[in-house]
Amino acid sequence: MKNLVITTNIKPENGKIPDKPTTFSYTPSIFNVCVESTQKWAQRMGANFLEVTDDHYFPGWSPTWQRMLMFLDEYKDYDQIMYCDGDYGVHDLTPNLLSWTSKQPETFFAVGDLTNKLHKTVDKHFNAGFYVIKKEAINTLRPYYREFMNKHTKSRYQDQDCLNDLLNVHKVSFRELSRNWNGLFAVKRPLFCIHYVSIRKMDFSFEEHTKQMERKMNILSQMSEEEILNLY
């Protein structure tokens, strides 16, 4: 089983960091901590790791679109590709999700989003800040992804709306993960990660981040393997 973990860590071209972080803004203090954690996670799972630091995959497209590199031919040999936003962080006891997804019949795994969109996979619009996609799904979608990218250049959530639409139209099998894998606006509750979505970026400090991750690990360390699986 050949797996790849992708994350994006692209600095603004003008080097300017916004005073008030937004959904798509670059926040180096968060990105540096989170990207390091996902790289270590990839190593623990036996996966290759790719940190995207520029737009050379899709020149002129914003950082959030660079994840679409999963459809490029140079990555076609991977059995599973995991994508993590640059502001998505894990800890040392975050489980080996790729081992679990490889045994499931579905070909796409993500957490339901908080928004209510027209384009839905199964019964929920998923959040594209964290997901796992299998080779079968990638092969199905590869002929169509550029068409859907062009369709959603002005969509509110850009690549997320694009992927929801793409998977829905082409009937990719979807497995919804629990919010332990992507808490969105919840920082304390998800036991496997922290995703600093939008205004949650303003709550970040290294000390508080470390405190929350240690608390999550302490809880998981007292649970059985079966109990942890039930959190998936």
Protein backbone atom coordinates (compact mmCIF):
# COMPACT_ATOMS: atom_id res chain seq x y z
CA MET A 1 0.00 0.00 0.00
CA LYS A 2 1.56 3.26 -1.18
CA ASN A 3 0.23 6.36 0.59
CA LEU A 4 0.86 10.10 0.41
CA VAL A 5 0.06 12.90 2.87
CA ILE A 6 -0.20 16.38 1.35
CA THR A 7 -0.31 19.73 3.11
CA THR A 8 -0.07 23.32 1.86
CA ASN A 9 2.24 25.92 3.39
CA ILE A 10 2.40 28.76 0.89
CA LYS A 11 3.48 32.19 2.06
CA PRO A 12 1.80 35.29 0.54
CA GLU A 13 3.65 36.61 -2.50
CA ASN A 14 3.90 40.08 -0.96
CA GLY A 15 5.07 38.64 2.35
CA LYS A 16 2.32 40.50 4.21
CA ILE A 17 0.61 38.66 7.07
CA PRO A 18 -2.96 39.90 7.79
CA ASP A 19 -3.66 41.48 11.18
CA LYS A 20 -6.91 39.54 11.50
CA PRO A 21 -6.72 35.92 10.23
CA THR A 22 -9.48 34.72 7.92
CA THR A 23 -10.48 31.37 6.44
CA PHE A 24 -7.79 31.38 3.77
CA SER A 25 -5.16 33.59 5.41
CA TYR A 26 -1.59 32.51 6.08
CA THR A 27 -0.61 32.44 9.76
CA PRO A 28 3.01 31.26 10.10
CA SER A 29 2.92 30.51 13.84
CA ILE A 30 0.06 28.06 13.25
CA PHE A 31 1.24 26.62 9.94
CA ASN A 32 4.75 25.85 11.19
CA VAL A 33 3.48 23.87 14.20
CA CYS A 34 0.74 22.08 12.27
CA VAL A 35 2.80 21.15 9.22
CA GLU A 36 5.54 19.69 11.42
CA SER A 37 2.93 17.58 13.22
CA THR A 38 1.40 16.21 10.01
CA GLN A 39 4.85 15.36 8.65
CA LYS A 40 5.60 13.31 11.77
CA TRP A 41 2.17 11.68 11.49
CA ALA A 42 2.87 10.68 7.89
CA GLN A 43 6.12 9.08 8.99
CA ARG A 44 4.35 7.11 11.72
CA MET A 45 1.82 5.86 9.16
CA GLY A 46 4.56 4.85 6.73
CA ALA A 47 3.34 7.39 4.15
CA ASN A 48 5.29 9.77 1.95
CA PHE A 49 4.89 13.44 2.78
CA LEU A 50 4.54 16.42 0.45
CA GLU A 51 4.58 20.02 1.68
CA VAL A 52 3.39 22.34 -1.09
CA THR A 53 5.20 25.67 -0.76
CA ASP A 54 4.35 27.41 -4.05
CA ASP A 55 1.78 27.40 -6.85
CA HIS A 56 3.82 25.58 -9.49
CA TYR A 57 1.26 22.79 -9.76
CA PHE A 58 -1.45 25.28 -10.80
CA PRO A 59 0.26 28.60 -11.54
CA GLY A 60 -1.87 31.63 -10.78
CA TRP A 61 -4.35 29.64 -8.70
CA SER A 62 -4.56 30.43 -4.99
CA PRO A 63 -2.92 28.14 -2.38
CA THR A 64 -6.21 26.45 -1.54
CA TRP A 65 -6.41 25.03 -5.08
CA GLN A 66 -2.97 23.41 -5.08
CA ARG A 67 -4.36 20.31 -3.36
CA MET A 68 -5.85 19.35 -6.70
CA LEU A 69 -2.39 18.02 -7.58
CA MET A 70 -3.75 14.68 -6.36
CA PHE A 71 -5.26 14.30 -9.84
CA LEU A 72 -1.95 14.79 -11.68
CA ASP A 73 -0.32 11.82 -13.40
CA GLU A 74 2.85 12.04 -11.31
CA TYR A 75 0.84 10.92 -8.27
CA LYS A 76 -1.25 8.25 -9.99
CA ASP A 77 0.62 5.35 -8.36
CA TYR A 78 -0.55 6.19 -4.82
CA ASP A 79 -3.24 3.92 -3.40
CA GLN A 80 -4.45 6.57 -0.96
CA ILE A 81 -3.83 10.30 -0.66
CA MET A 82 -4.56 12.22 2.52
CA TYR A 83 -4.90 16.00 2.44
CA CYS A 84 -4.46 18.23 5.52
CA ASP A 85 -4.82 22.00 5.54
CA GLY A 86 -1.74 23.88 6.71
CA ASP A 87 -3.63 24.89 9.85
CA TYR A 88 -4.61 21.30 10.67
CA GLY A 89 -2.49 19.77 13.44
CA VAL A 90 -2.29 16.35 15.10
CA HIS A 91 -0.45 14.87 18.08
CA ASP A 92 1.69 11.83 18.84
CA LEU A 93 -1.29 9.56 19.61
CA THR A 94 -3.39 10.45 16.58
CA PRO A 95 -4.30 7.01 15.12
CA ASN A 96 -3.14 5.55 11.83
CA LEU A 97 -6.19 6.53 9.81
CA LEU A 98 -4.73 5.35 6.49
CA SER A 99 -4.46 1.80 7.81
CA TRP A 100 -8.16 1.89 8.70
CA THR A 101 -9.41 3.53 5.48
CA SER A 102 -7.51 0.98 3.40
CA LYS A 103 -9.77 -1.73 4.84
CA GLN A 104 -13.04 0.13 4.19
CA PRO A 105 -15.14 -0.27 1.02
CA GLU A 106 -15.67 3.48 0.48
CA THR A 107 -13.23 5.53 -1.60
CA PHE A 108 -13.52 8.98 0.01
CA PHE A 109 -13.46 9.93 3.71
CA ALA A 110 -14.16 13.32 5.27
CA VAL A 111 -16.06 15.15 7.99
CA GLY A 112 -19.40 16.82 7.35
CA ASP A 113 -19.22 20.60 7.11
CA LEU A 114 -21.31 23.11 9.03
CA THR A 115 -22.62 24.74 5.86
CA ASN A 116 -25.73 23.74 3.94
CA LYS A 117 -24.88 23.71 0.25
CA LEU A 118 -26.66 22.72 -2.94
CA HIS A 119 -23.93 20.25 -3.86
CA LYS A 120 -23.94 17.43 -1.33
CA THR A 121 -22.29 14.05 -1.09
CA VAL A 122 -24.73 11.55 0.41
CA ASP A 123 -26.59 13.75 2.91
CA LYS A 124 -23.91 16.25 3.93
CA HIS A 125 -21.59 18.82 2.45
CA PHE A 126 -18.12 17.74 3.57
CA ASN A 127 -15.29 19.95 4.77
CA ALA A 128 -12.30 19.74 2.42
CA GLY A 129 -9.71 20.83 4.98
CA PHE A 130 -9.01 17.19 5.75
CA TYR A 131 -9.83 14.08 3.74
CA VAL A 132 -8.59 10.75 2.42
CA ILE A 133 -9.18 9.73 -1.18
CA LYS A 134 -8.39 6.37 -2.77
CA LYS A 135 -6.91 5.67 -6.18
CA GLU A 136 -10.23 4.36 -7.48
CA ALA A 137 -11.93 7.70 -6.81
CA ILE A 138 -9.03 9.68 -8.23
CA ASN A 139 -9.10 7.63 -11.44
CA THR A 140 -12.85 8.21 -11.76
CA LEU A 141 -12.55 11.97 -11.29
CA ARG A 142 -9.30 12.71 -13.14
CA PRO A 143 -10.95 13.36 -16.55
CA TYR A 144 -13.29 15.96 -15.05
CA TYR A 145 -11.49 17.86 -12.29
CA ARG A 146 -10.25 20.78 -14.43
CA GLU A 147 -13.77 21.39 -15.73
CA PHE A 148 -15.03 21.63 -12.14
CA MET A 149 -12.13 23.84 -11.06
CA ASN A 150 -13.07 26.33 -13.76
CA LYS A 151 -16.71 26.08 -12.74
CA HIS A 152 -15.98 27.03 -9.13
CA THR A 153 -13.41 29.82 -9.47
CA LYS A 154 -15.91 32.26 -7.94
CA SER A 155 -17.60 29.91 -5.48
CA ARG A 156 -17.52 31.02 -1.87
CA TYR A 157 -15.51 28.03 -0.65
CA GLN A 158 -13.63 27.49 -3.89
CA ASP A 159 -11.98 24.05 -3.88
CA GLN A 160 -14.37 22.73 -1.24
CA ASP A 161 -17.41 23.55 -3.36
CA CYS A 162 -15.58 22.13 -6.37
CA LEU A 163 -14.81 18.80 -4.69
CA ASN A 164 -18.30 18.42 -3.25
CA ASP A 165 -19.81 19.04 -6.65
CA LEU A 166 -17.33 16.76 -8.41
CA LEU A 167 -17.80 13.81 -6.04
CA ASN A 168 -21.56 14.19 -6.03
CA VAL A 169 -21.97 14.34 -9.80
CA HIS A 170 -19.75 11.32 -10.36
CA LYS A 171 -21.19 9.29 -7.47
CA VAL A 172 -18.01 8.61 -5.52
CA SER A 173 -18.67 6.44 -2.46
CA PHE A 174 -18.35 8.54 0.69
CA ARG A 175 -17.75 7.62 4.34
CA GLU A 176 -18.39 10.34 6.88
CA LEU A 177 -15.82 10.58 9.66
CA SER A 178 -16.57 11.86 13.14
CA ARG A 179 -15.58 15.35 14.24
CA ASN A 180 -12.69 13.84 16.17
CA TRP A 181 -10.92 14.00 12.80
CA ASN A 182 -11.85 17.59 11.98
CA GLY A 183 -13.57 19.65 14.63
CA LEU A 184 -13.87 22.76 12.46
CA PHE A 185 -14.67 25.50 14.97
CA ALA A 186 -14.25 23.15 17.95
CA VAL A 187 -10.71 23.18 19.34
CA LYS A 188 -11.09 21.26 22.59
CA ARG A 189 -13.59 18.53 21.68
CA PRO A 190 -11.90 16.65 18.77
CA LEU A 191 -9.54 14.10 20.29
CA PHE A 192 -7.34 13.42 17.25
CA CYS A 193 -6.56 16.92 16.00
CA ILE A 194 -7.05 20.67 16.06
CA HIS A 195 -8.11 22.52 12.91
CA TYR A 196 -7.69 26.27 13.24
CA VAL A 197 -10.54 27.23 10.94
CA SER A 198 -11.22 30.89 10.23
CA ILE A 199 -11.65 32.86 13.48
CA ARG A 200 -10.07 30.02 15.49
CA LYS A 201 -6.73 31.25 14.17
CA MET A 202 -7.08 34.25 16.49
CA ASP A 203 -7.27 31.91 19.51
CA PHE A 204 -3.92 30.30 18.80
CA SER A 205 -0.92 30.40 21.09
CA PHE A 206 1.83 27.81 21.21
CA GLU A 207 1.31 27.32 24.95
CA GLU A 208 -2.44 26.74 24.65
CA HIS A 209 -1.96 24.50 21.60
CA THR A 210 0.52 22.34 23.51
CA LYS A 211 -1.78 22.21 26.53
CA GLN A 212 -4.75 21.03 24.45
CA MET A 213 -2.74 18.41 22.59
CA GLU A 214 -1.37 17.01 25.86
CA ARG A 215 -4.89 16.85 27.27
CA LYS A 216 -6.13 14.94 24.22
CA MET A 217 -3.23 12.48 24.43
CA ASN A 218 -3.88 11.89 28.12
CA ILE A 219 -7.51 10.98 27.39
CA LEU A 220 -6.59 8.63 24.54
CA SER A 221 -3.82 6.96 26.54
CA GLN A 222 -6.45 5.67 28.97
CA MET A 223 -8.69 4.19 26.27
CA SER A 224 -8.64 0.74 24.69
CA GLU A 225 -8.04 0.20 20.98
CA GLU A 226 -11.71 -0.65 20.52
CA GLU A 227 -12.81 2.51 22.31
CA ILE A 228 -10.55 4.59 20.09
CA LEU A 229 -11.89 2.90 16.93
CA ASN A 230 -15.38 3.83 18.04
CA LEU A 231 -14.29 7.49 17.88
CA TYR A 232 -13.55 7.29 14.14
